């Protein structure tokens, strides 16, 4: 998530990067813009769903970003 551009977008989203590819994704893990390889896209979607179901970390970070506050690091799936 990038708090610098949170005022330019009304819907919550985050960026995912893999190699030279990147994508903007909704909190549900669906790609809004850009692309990722199929395998990595599926992994990011699964990660997003796990985060939303368990802790709402993505939603909390979006609120922090919109308010100009420092976002929290979200642990990867291990």
Protein backbone atom coordinates (compact mmCIF):
# COMPACT_ATOMS: atom_id res chain seq x y z
CA UNK A 1 0.00 0.00 0.00
CA UNK A 2 1.20 3.44 -0.76
CA UNK A 3 -0.10 6.19 1.47
CA UNK A 4 1.26 8.83 -0.91
CA UNK A 5 -1.45 8.11 -3.45
CA UNK A 6 -4.31 7.00 -1.18
CA UNK A 7 -6.14 10.29 -1.84
CA UNK A 8 -6.21 9.54 -5.58
CA UNK A 9 -8.09 6.25 -5.28
CA UNK A 10 -11.44 5.68 -3.63
CA UNK A 11 -11.33 1.88 -3.41
CA UNK A 12 -8.76 0.19 -1.17
CA UNK A 13 -5.97 -1.56 -3.06
CA UNK A 14 -2.37 -2.66 -2.72
CA UNK A 15 0.56 -3.29 -5.03
CA UNK A 16 2.13 -6.69 -5.60
CA UNK A 17 5.44 -7.16 -7.39
CA UNK A 18 7.06 -10.23 -8.90
CA UNK A 19 10.23 -9.78 -10.90
CA UNK A 20 9.58 -7.11 -13.50
CA UNK A 21 5.78 -7.47 -13.26
CA UNK A 22 3.47 -5.66 -10.90
CA UNK A 23 -0.22 -5.29 -10.31
CA UNK A 24 -2.72 -3.24 -8.34
CA UNK A 25 -5.09 -5.54 -6.47
CA UNK A 26 -8.31 -5.02 -4.57
CA UNK A 27 -8.44 -6.26 -0.99
CA UNK A 28 -10.10 -9.42 -2.29
CA UNK A 29 -6.94 -10.19 -4.29
CA UNK A 30 -8.47 -9.51 -7.69
CA UNK A 31 -6.19 -7.66 -10.12
CA UNK A 32 -7.45 -4.16 -10.91
CA UNK A 33 -4.56 -3.08 -13.12
CA UNK A 34 -1.37 -4.72 -14.33
CA UNK A 35 -0.49 -8.38 -14.30
CA UNK A 36 1.36 -11.11 -12.47
CA UNK A 37 2.25 -14.62 -13.64
CA UNK A 38 -0.64 -17.05 -13.11
CA UNK A 39 0.99 -18.91 -10.21
CA UNK A 40 1.97 -15.73 -8.36
CA UNK A 41 -1.45 -14.18 -8.98
CA UNK A 42 -3.12 -17.19 -7.36
CA UNK A 43 -0.72 -17.01 -4.42
CA UNK A 44 -1.40 -13.29 -3.87
CA UNK A 45 -5.17 -13.91 -4.00
CA UNK A 46 -4.84 -16.68 -1.41
CA UNK A 47 -2.68 -14.42 0.78
CA UNK A 48 -5.23 -11.59 0.56
CA UNK A 49 -8.13 -13.87 1.47
CA UNK A 50 -6.23 -15.34 4.42
CA UNK A 51 -5.41 -11.84 5.69
CA UNK A 52 -9.02 -10.65 5.35
CA UNK A 53 -10.50 -13.73 6.99
CA UNK A 54 -8.11 -13.77 9.94
CA UNK A 55 -7.12 -10.26 10.88
CA UNK A 56 -8.40 -7.58 8.50
CA UNK A 57 -4.80 -6.30 8.21
CA UNK A 58 -5.33 -4.97 4.70
CA UNK A 59 -8.40 -2.95 5.67
CA UNK A 60 -6.64 -1.58 8.74
CA UNK A 61 -3.61 -0.56 6.68
CA UNK A 62 -5.81 1.16 4.12
CA UNK A 63 -7.39 3.24 6.89
CA UNK A 64 -3.94 4.17 8.19
CA UNK A 65 -2.77 5.12 4.69
CA UNK A 66 -5.82 7.30 4.03
CA UNK A 67 -5.18 9.11 7.32
CA UNK A 68 -1.53 9.71 6.41
CA UNK A 69 -0.29 7.37 9.11
CA UNK A 70 2.48 4.80 8.86
CA UNK A 71 1.19 1.45 7.60
CA UNK A 72 2.02 -1.77 9.41
CA UNK A 73 4.09 -4.58 7.97
CA UNK A 74 1.97 -7.62 7.16
CA UNK A 75 3.70 -10.95 7.54
CA UNK A 76 3.90 -13.20 4.49
CA UNK A 77 2.35 -16.67 4.46
CA UNK A 78 4.91 -19.21 5.62
